[in-house]
N, C-alpha and C. Protein backbone atom coordinates (compact mmCIF):
# COMPACT_ATOMS: atom_id res chain seq x y z
N UNK A 1 5.25 123.92 -22.64
CA UNK A 1 4.35 122.87 -22.83
C UNK A 1 5.14 122.06 -23.84
N UNK A 2 4.84 120.61 -23.84
CA UNK A 2 5.58 119.72 -24.88
C UNK A 2 5.06 119.84 -26.00
N UNK A 3 5.75 119.55 -27.23
CA UNK A 3 5.25 119.52 -28.68
C UNK A 3 4.76 118.03 -28.75
N UNK A 4 3.43 118.19 -29.49
CA UNK A 4 2.76 117.00 -30.09
C UNK A 4 3.72 116.09 -31.10
N UNK A 5 3.94 114.64 -30.79
CA UNK A 5 4.61 113.78 -31.39
C UNK A 5 3.82 112.68 -31.92
N UNK A 6 4.60 111.93 -33.05
CA UNK A 6 4.15 110.65 -33.51
C UNK A 6 5.12 109.85 -33.62
N UNK A 7 4.95 108.58 -33.36
CA UNK A 7 6.07 107.74 -33.57
C UNK A 7 5.73 106.55 -34.35
N UNK A 8 6.81 106.42 -35.13
CA UNK A 8 6.56 104.87 -36.05
C UNK A 8 7.80 103.93 -35.69
N UNK A 9 7.19 102.57 -35.69
CA UNK A 9 8.11 101.48 -35.23
C UNK A 9 8.24 100.47 -36.38
N UNK A 10 9.29 100.23 -36.88
CA UNK A 10 9.32 99.09 -37.82
C UNK A 10 9.96 98.02 -36.84
N UNK A 11 9.12 96.96 -36.53
CA UNK A 11 9.81 96.01 -35.55
C UNK A 11 10.55 94.88 -35.86
N UNK A 12 11.16 94.81 -37.44
CA UNK A 12 12.21 93.94 -37.78
C UNK A 12 13.35 93.89 -37.04
N UNK A 13 14.22 92.84 -37.38
CA UNK A 13 15.57 92.62 -36.57
C UNK A 13 16.45 93.93 -37.23
N UNK A 14 16.33 94.32 -38.26
CA UNK A 14 17.11 95.55 -38.88
C UNK A 14 16.28 96.67 -38.77
N UNK A 15 15.01 96.75 -37.88
CA UNK A 15 14.06 97.67 -37.80
C UNK A 15 14.59 98.92 -37.29
N UNK A 16 13.55 99.74 -37.07
CA UNK A 16 14.16 101.19 -36.68
C UNK A 16 12.71 101.87 -35.79
N UNK A 17 12.96 103.16 -35.34
CA UNK A 17 11.94 103.74 -34.79
C UNK A 17 12.11 105.34 -35.09
N UNK A 18 10.97 106.04 -35.19
CA UNK A 18 11.03 107.42 -35.73
C UNK A 18 10.19 108.13 -34.99
N UNK A 19 10.43 109.35 -34.61
CA UNK A 19 9.60 110.43 -34.17
C UNK A 19 9.70 111.58 -34.92
N UNK A 20 8.19 112.20 -35.24
CA UNK A 20 8.25 113.55 -35.82
C UNK A 20 7.21 114.18 -35.21
N UNK A 21 7.59 115.70 -35.11
CA UNK A 21 6.78 116.56 -34.37
C UNK A 21 7.02 117.79 -35.25
N UNK A 22 6.24 118.99 -34.80
CA UNK A 22 6.52 120.26 -35.48
C UNK A 22 7.99 120.80 -35.19
N UNK A 23 8.54 120.19 -34.42
CA UNK A 23 9.91 120.72 -33.91
C UNK A 23 11.05 119.67 -34.58
N UNK A 24 10.93 118.43 -34.48
CA UNK A 24 11.93 117.52 -34.77
C UNK A 24 11.32 116.35 -35.76
N UNK A 25 12.43 115.66 -36.28
CA UNK A 25 12.20 114.70 -37.14
C UNK A 25 13.45 113.69 -36.90
N UNK A 26 13.30 112.52 -36.08
CA UNK A 26 14.40 111.75 -35.70
C UNK A 26 14.14 110.27 -36.08
N UNK A 27 14.98 109.79 -36.69
CA UNK A 27 15.16 108.20 -37.14
C UNK A 27 16.14 107.39 -36.31
N UNK A 28 16.02 106.59 -35.55
CA UNK A 28 17.04 105.67 -35.01
C UNK A 28 16.78 104.04 -35.39
N UNK A 29 18.14 103.66 -35.30
CA UNK A 29 17.93 101.97 -35.48
C UNK A 29 17.75 101.19 -34.38
N UNK A 30 17.10 100.09 -34.64
CA UNK A 30 16.79 99.41 -33.41
C UNK A 30 17.91 99.54 -32.41
N UNK A 31 17.74 99.66 -31.07
CA UNK A 31 18.72 99.85 -30.25
C UNK A 31 19.56 98.78 -29.90
N UNK A 32 19.17 97.29 -30.15
CA UNK A 32 19.74 96.18 -30.11
C UNK A 32 19.32 95.13 -29.01
N UNK A 33 18.33 95.95 -28.02
CA UNK A 33 18.02 95.05 -26.94
C UNK A 33 16.75 96.02 -26.45
N UNK A 34 15.90 95.37 -25.63
CA UNK A 34 14.79 95.75 -24.83
C UNK A 34 14.86 96.99 -24.39
N UNK A 35 15.90 96.95 -23.52
CA UNK A 35 16.36 98.18 -22.27
C UNK A 35 16.68 99.42 -23.23
N UNK A 36 17.44 99.04 -24.18
CA UNK A 36 17.79 100.41 -24.99
C UNK A 36 16.38 101.01 -25.59
N UNK A 37 15.85 100.10 -26.33
CA UNK A 37 14.44 100.28 -26.84
C UNK A 37 13.44 101.28 -25.91
N UNK A 38 13.50 100.70 -24.67
CA UNK A 38 12.73 101.16 -23.65
C UNK A 38 13.16 102.53 -23.18
N UNK A 39 14.54 102.67 -23.14
CA UNK A 39 15.12 103.85 -22.66
C UNK A 39 14.76 105.29 -23.69
N UNK A 40 14.71 104.78 -24.91
CA UNK A 40 14.67 105.69 -25.82
C UNK A 40 13.34 106.19 -26.11
N UNK A 41 12.48 105.14 -25.72
CA UNK A 41 10.94 105.66 -25.97
C UNK A 41 10.50 106.46 -24.71
N UNK A 42 11.16 106.05 -23.56
CA UNK A 42 10.68 106.71 -22.41
C UNK A 42 11.52 108.24 -22.39
N UNK A 43 12.48 108.44 -22.93
CA UNK A 43 12.87 109.86 -23.25
C UNK A 43 12.16 110.74 -24.10
N UNK A 44 11.72 109.99 -25.17
CA UNK A 44 10.81 110.63 -26.17
C UNK A 44 9.44 111.06 -25.51
N UNK A 45 9.10 109.92 -24.47
CA UNK A 45 7.78 110.31 -23.75
C UNK A 45 8.04 111.43 -22.76
N UNK A 46 8.99 111.68 -22.41
CA UNK A 46 9.32 112.73 -21.38
C UNK A 46 9.38 114.13 -21.90
N UNK A 47 9.98 114.18 -23.29
CA UNK A 47 10.34 115.28 -23.89
C UNK A 47 9.14 115.77 -24.85
N UNK A 48 8.22 114.83 -25.18
CA UNK A 48 7.26 115.10 -26.14
C UNK A 48 5.92 114.72 -25.61
N UNK A 49 4.69 115.17 -26.18
CA UNK A 49 3.47 114.68 -25.83
C UNK A 49 3.11 113.98 -27.09
N UNK A 50 3.37 112.45 -26.65
CA UNK A 50 3.35 111.55 -27.66
C UNK A 50 1.88 111.08 -27.99
N UNK A 51 1.18 111.46 -29.08
CA UNK A 51 -0.29 111.23 -29.41
C UNK A 51 -0.36 109.84 -29.61
N UNK A 52 0.58 109.37 -30.69
CA UNK A 52 0.11 107.95 -31.17
C UNK A 52 1.26 107.39 -31.66
N UNK A 53 1.54 105.87 -31.48
CA UNK A 53 2.55 105.15 -32.16
C UNK A 53 1.89 104.25 -33.09
N UNK A 54 2.64 104.13 -34.39
CA UNK A 54 2.13 103.22 -35.27
C UNK A 54 3.27 102.07 -35.38
N UNK A 55 2.78 100.78 -34.72
CA UNK A 55 3.90 99.88 -34.67
C UNK A 55 3.20 98.83 -35.72
N UNK A 56 4.01 98.72 -36.79
CA UNK A 56 3.83 97.74 -37.75
C UNK A 56 3.70 96.50 -37.73
N UNK A 57 2.42 95.98 -38.16
CA UNK A 57 1.87 94.55 -37.92
C UNK A 57 2.58 93.79 -39.26
N UNK A 58 3.47 92.80 -39.11
CA UNK A 58 3.58 92.17 -40.48
C UNK A 58 3.71 90.77 -40.15
N UNK A 59 3.03 89.85 -41.16
CA UNK A 59 2.86 88.57 -40.95
C UNK A 59 4.12 88.01 -41.57
N UNK A 60 4.29 86.47 -41.50
CA UNK A 60 5.24 85.66 -42.11
C UNK A 60 5.01 86.00 -43.46
N UNK A 61 5.95 85.73 -44.09
CA UNK A 61 6.32 85.71 -45.78
C UNK A 61 6.71 84.41 -46.14
N UNK A 62 6.34 83.89 -47.29
CA UNK A 62 6.68 82.60 -47.91
C UNK A 62 8.33 82.38 -48.10
N UNK A 63 8.70 81.47 -47.56
CA UNK A 63 10.03 81.14 -47.40
C UNK A 63 10.84 81.57 -46.13
N UNK A 64 10.23 82.12 -45.48
CA UNK A 64 10.90 82.60 -44.02
C UNK A 64 10.94 81.46 -43.12
N UNK A 65 12.13 81.35 -42.27
CA UNK A 65 12.45 80.28 -41.65
C UNK A 65 11.78 80.31 -40.32
N UNK A 66 11.62 79.11 -39.57
CA UNK A 66 10.78 79.27 -38.17
C UNK A 66 11.84 80.14 -37.25
N UNK A 67 13.06 80.18 -37.32
CA UNK A 67 13.94 81.03 -36.47
C UNK A 67 13.63 82.37 -36.78
N UNK A 68 13.80 82.61 -37.90
CA UNK A 68 13.75 84.00 -38.30
C UNK A 68 12.27 84.52 -37.88
N UNK A 69 11.26 83.83 -38.16
CA UNK A 69 9.69 84.27 -37.61
C UNK A 69 9.61 84.53 -36.28
N UNK A 70 10.55 83.47 -35.42
CA UNK A 70 10.29 83.39 -33.97
C UNK A 70 10.99 84.77 -33.59
N UNK A 71 12.22 85.22 -34.28
CA UNK A 71 12.80 86.36 -33.72
C UNK A 71 12.07 87.49 -34.23
N UNK A 72 11.34 87.42 -35.00
CA UNK A 72 10.43 88.64 -35.43
C UNK A 72 9.40 88.70 -34.43
N UNK A 73 8.68 87.69 -34.29
CA UNK A 73 7.72 87.92 -33.40
C UNK A 73 8.18 88.29 -31.86
N UNK A 74 9.32 87.97 -31.75
CA UNK A 74 9.72 88.31 -30.17
C UNK A 74 10.04 89.82 -30.16
N UNK A 75 10.48 90.18 -31.05
CA UNK A 75 10.95 91.94 -31.22
C UNK A 75 9.19 92.58 -31.16
N UNK A 76 8.65 91.93 -31.82
CA UNK A 76 7.20 92.79 -32.18
C UNK A 76 6.50 92.60 -30.89
N UNK A 77 6.66 91.55 -29.96
CA UNK A 77 6.08 91.63 -28.79
C UNK A 77 6.73 92.38 -27.55
N UNK A 78 8.35 92.54 -27.90
CA UNK A 78 9.08 93.39 -27.13
C UNK A 78 8.23 94.87 -27.32
N UNK A 79 8.02 95.27 -28.45
CA UNK A 79 7.56 96.61 -28.59
C UNK A 79 6.29 96.77 -27.98
N UNK A 80 5.25 95.89 -28.08
CA UNK A 80 4.09 95.92 -27.56
C UNK A 80 4.03 96.06 -25.97
N UNK A 81 4.88 95.27 -25.22
CA UNK A 81 5.32 95.09 -23.91
C UNK A 81 5.78 96.59 -23.32
N UNK A 82 6.75 97.21 -24.16
CA UNK A 82 7.25 98.42 -23.74
C UNK A 82 6.17 99.48 -24.01
N UNK A 83 5.57 99.69 -25.00
CA UNK A 83 4.44 100.60 -25.10
C UNK A 83 3.36 100.55 -24.21
N UNK A 84 2.96 99.38 -23.80
CA UNK A 84 1.88 99.15 -22.73
C UNK A 84 2.42 99.68 -21.27
N UNK A 85 3.79 99.16 -21.24
CA UNK A 85 4.36 99.60 -19.86
C UNK A 85 4.67 101.33 -19.60
N UNK A 86 4.71 101.81 -20.81
CA UNK A 86 4.77 102.95 -20.79
C UNK A 86 3.53 103.95 -20.93
N UNK A 87 2.50 103.22 -21.16
CA UNK A 87 1.09 103.86 -21.37
C UNK A 87 1.13 105.02 -22.64
N UNK A 88 1.72 104.32 -23.63
CA UNK A 88 1.78 105.21 -24.88
C UNK A 88 0.76 104.45 -25.96
N UNK A 89 -0.25 105.33 -26.33
CA UNK A 89 -1.07 104.70 -27.26
C UNK A 89 -0.52 104.31 -28.50
N UNK A 90 -0.89 103.10 -28.87
CA UNK A 90 -0.67 102.57 -30.33
C UNK A 90 -1.65 101.99 -30.98
N UNK A 91 -1.38 101.88 -32.42
CA UNK A 91 -2.20 101.31 -33.23
C UNK A 91 -1.18 100.23 -34.14
N UNK A 92 -1.61 99.03 -34.59
CA UNK A 92 -0.77 98.38 -35.32
C UNK A 92 -1.33 98.21 -36.77
N UNK A 93 -1.07 99.02 -37.79
CA UNK A 93 -1.55 99.04 -39.19
C UNK A 93 -0.52 98.11 -40.06
N UNK A 94 -1.15 97.20 -40.71
CA UNK A 94 -0.61 96.34 -41.79
C UNK A 94 0.24 97.18 -42.76
N UNK A 95 1.26 96.71 -43.51
CA UNK A 95 1.98 97.50 -44.35
C UNK A 95 0.85 98.05 -45.51
N UNK A 96 0.06 97.18 -45.95
CA UNK A 96 -0.68 97.75 -46.95
C UNK A 96 -1.70 98.82 -46.51
N UNK A 97 -1.98 98.91 -45.21
CA UNK A 97 -2.84 99.95 -44.76
C UNK A 97 -2.16 101.35 -44.58
N UNK A 98 -0.90 101.20 -44.05
CA UNK A 98 -0.20 102.68 -44.01
C UNK A 98 0.71 103.14 -45.18
N UNK A 99 0.76 102.17 -46.12
CA UNK A 99 1.29 102.69 -47.41
C UNK A 99 0.25 103.27 -48.37
N UNK A 100 -1.02 102.81 -48.17
CA UNK A 100 -1.92 103.12 -49.34
C UNK A 100 -2.06 104.89 -49.09
N UNK A 101 -1.93 105.37 -50.28
CA UNK A 101 -1.94 106.83 -50.77
C UNK A 101 -0.63 107.41 -50.34
N UNK A 102 0.24 106.86 -49.94
CA UNK A 102 1.61 107.23 -49.28
C UNK A 102 2.75 106.59 -50.45
N UNK A 103 2.85 105.57 -50.41
CA UNK A 103 3.97 104.83 -51.33
C UNK A 103 3.34 104.21 -52.67
N UNK A 104 3.75 104.38 -53.73
CA UNK A 104 3.46 103.87 -54.88
C UNK A 104 4.40 103.07 -55.66
N UNK A 105 3.95 102.11 -56.54
CA UNK A 105 4.89 101.35 -57.32
C UNK A 105 6.20 102.24 -58.06
N UNK A 106 5.55 103.33 -58.65
CA UNK A 106 6.43 104.32 -59.47
C UNK A 106 7.49 104.98 -58.48
N UNK A 107 7.51 104.93 -57.30
CA UNK A 107 8.53 105.12 -56.22
C UNK A 107 9.91 104.52 -56.16
N UNK A 108 9.65 103.15 -56.81
CA UNK A 108 11.00 102.57 -56.85
C UNK A 108 10.85 100.99 -57.08
N UNK A 109 11.88 100.23 -57.50
CA UNK A 109 11.80 98.80 -57.83
C UNK A 109 11.33 97.84 -56.87
N UNK A 110 11.40 98.20 -55.45
CA UNK A 110 10.73 97.08 -54.65
C UNK A 110 10.35 98.00 -53.44
N UNK A 111 9.86 97.26 -52.52
CA UNK A 111 9.17 98.03 -51.18
C UNK A 111 9.88 98.60 -50.50
N UNK A 112 11.31 98.36 -50.36
CA UNK A 112 12.45 98.98 -49.63
C UNK A 112 12.94 100.29 -50.48
N UNK A 113 13.23 100.06 -51.21
CA UNK A 113 13.53 101.45 -52.39
C UNK A 113 12.43 102.30 -52.41
N UNK A 114 10.97 101.80 -52.36
CA UNK A 114 9.93 102.86 -52.57
C UNK A 114 9.78 103.64 -51.26
N UNK A 115 9.99 102.91 -50.12
CA UNK A 115 9.93 103.61 -48.76
C UNK A 115 11.02 104.57 -48.70
N UNK A 116 12.28 104.24 -48.96
CA UNK A 116 13.50 105.11 -49.03
C UNK A 116 13.15 106.28 -49.66
N UNK A 117 12.55 106.08 -51.14
CA UNK A 117 12.32 107.32 -51.95
C UNK A 117 11.64 108.27 -51.46
N UNK A 118 10.31 107.80 -50.77
CA UNK A 118 9.23 108.59 -50.15
C UNK A 118 9.85 109.15 -49.08
N UNK A 119 10.63 108.59 -47.89
CA UNK A 119 11.15 109.21 -46.76
C UNK A 119 12.11 110.42 -47.04
N UNK A 120 12.89 109.95 -48.18
CA UNK A 120 13.80 111.23 -48.65
C UNK A 120 13.22 112.29 -48.80
N UNK A 121 12.32 112.18 -49.56
CA UNK A 121 11.35 113.39 -50.24
C UNK A 121 10.56 114.07 -49.29
N UNK A 122 9.99 113.31 -48.00
CA UNK A 122 9.22 113.97 -47.00
C UNK A 122 10.16 114.46 -45.62
N UNK A 123 11.19 113.78 -45.59
CA UNK A 123 12.17 114.19 -44.57
C UNK A 123 13.66 114.30 -44.92
N UNK A 124 13.90 115.28 -45.86
CA UNK A 124 15.06 115.68 -46.33
C UNK A 124 16.45 115.74 -45.27
N UNK A 125 15.99 116.04 -44.10
CA UNK A 125 17.13 116.55 -43.15
C UNK A 125 17.28 115.12 -42.31
N UNK A 126 16.64 114.12 -42.43
CA UNK A 126 17.22 112.83 -41.85
C UNK A 126 18.00 112.11 -42.69
N UNK A 127 19.00 111.32 -41.96
CA UNK A 127 20.01 110.79 -42.53
C UNK A 127 19.32 109.40 -43.20
N UNK A 128 19.33 109.25 -44.67
CA UNK A 128 18.73 108.11 -45.00
C UNK A 128 19.71 107.82 -46.33
N UNK A 129 20.84 107.89 -46.32
CA UNK A 129 21.76 107.86 -47.39
C UNK A 129 22.20 106.29 -47.66
N UNK A 130 21.93 105.60 -46.77
CA UNK A 130 22.39 104.22 -47.14
C UNK A 130 21.38 103.09 -47.43
N UNK A 131 21.39 102.21 -48.36
CA UNK A 131 20.36 101.28 -48.69
C UNK A 131 19.66 100.63 -47.25
N UNK A 132 20.40 100.26 -46.32
CA UNK A 132 19.98 99.81 -45.15
C UNK A 132 19.11 100.48 -44.14
N UNK A 133 19.00 101.81 -44.74
CA UNK A 133 18.01 102.73 -44.02
C UNK A 133 16.60 102.69 -44.08
N UNK A 134 16.29 101.52 -45.09
CA UNK A 134 14.80 101.39 -45.03
C UNK A 134 14.02 100.99 -43.99
N UNK A 135 14.71 100.62 -42.87
CA UNK A 135 13.92 100.52 -41.57
C UNK A 135 13.63 101.80 -41.15
N UNK A 136 14.52 102.73 -41.08
CA UNK A 136 14.51 104.26 -40.86
C UNK A 136 13.22 104.90 -41.66
N UNK A 137 13.36 104.57 -42.79
CA UNK A 137 12.34 105.20 -43.66
C UNK A 137 10.97 104.65 -43.64
N UNK A 138 10.72 103.28 -43.25
CA UNK A 138 9.49 102.88 -42.74
C UNK A 138 9.07 103.33 -41.64
N UNK A 139 9.95 103.55 -40.50
CA UNK A 139 9.56 104.12 -39.10
C UNK A 139 9.02 105.57 -39.39
N UNK A 140 9.86 106.40 -40.47
CA UNK A 140 9.17 107.70 -40.63
C UNK A 140 7.91 107.73 -41.20
N UNK A 141 7.79 106.99 -42.15
CA UNK A 141 6.31 106.92 -42.94
C UNK A 141 5.37 106.36 -41.96
N UNK A 142 5.60 105.50 -40.98
CA UNK A 142 4.66 105.18 -40.16
C UNK A 142 4.35 106.19 -39.09
N UNK A 143 5.08 107.04 -38.69
CA UNK A 143 4.80 108.13 -37.97
C UNK A 143 4.17 108.93 -38.56
N UNK A 144 4.27 109.32 -39.84
CA UNK A 144 3.65 110.09 -40.82
C UNK A 144 2.25 109.60 -40.87
N UNK A 145 2.10 108.61 -40.97
CA UNK A 145 0.58 107.92 -41.16
C UNK A 145 0.10 108.05 -39.82
N UNK A 146 0.64 107.75 -38.59
CA UNK A 146 0.04 108.01 -37.33
C UNK A 146 -0.50 109.45 -37.35
N UNK A 147 0.12 110.60 -37.69
CA UNK A 147 -0.05 111.66 -37.43
C UNK A 147 -1.34 112.03 -38.18
N UNK A 148 -1.32 111.31 -39.60
CA UNK A 148 -2.70 111.67 -40.17
C UNK A 148 -3.85 111.04 -39.67
N UNK A 149 -3.67 109.79 -38.79
CA UNK A 149 -4.79 109.19 -38.07
C UNK A 149 -5.45 110.20 -37.09
N UNK A 150 -4.54 110.80 -36.29
CA UNK A 150 -4.88 111.56 -35.31
C UNK A 150 -5.69 112.95 -36.06
N UNK A 151 -5.18 113.33 -36.95
CA UNK A 151 -5.61 114.72 -37.65
C UNK A 151 -6.96 114.24 -38.32
N UNK A 152 -7.26 113.12 -38.65
CA UNK A 152 -8.35 112.92 -39.63
C UNK A 152 -9.78 112.80 -38.65
């Protein structure tokens, strides 16, 4: 019998995806293209009973360029397409929604530092030593949030 698992996806250009289960906690950087992302999700789907995926829904921010926002939207759409094609159930929480009660201002100076601090506390065995691992941290915390949604 396959272990239950929950996946979190930070869809940004330097984003990541993470899986948590009773047996494993894994975080991977964005594979670089849709084929690599689909292959990784397909592998996880075959190995685990994926209960739910939390795909972060992020909007544009002041000062972001058109090219940057287009690229972000493209990644976001790619993830939606892959999840739909693999028939993996997913929700799209906004950062304020999944961070509520999990990440607080006292955890760090900015949102990236806060996510890293909380993820390092909750998932000490996952490699999160670099500052640029904030995408992995967000993905892990999104997976944690997804698990709480199913348990609620």
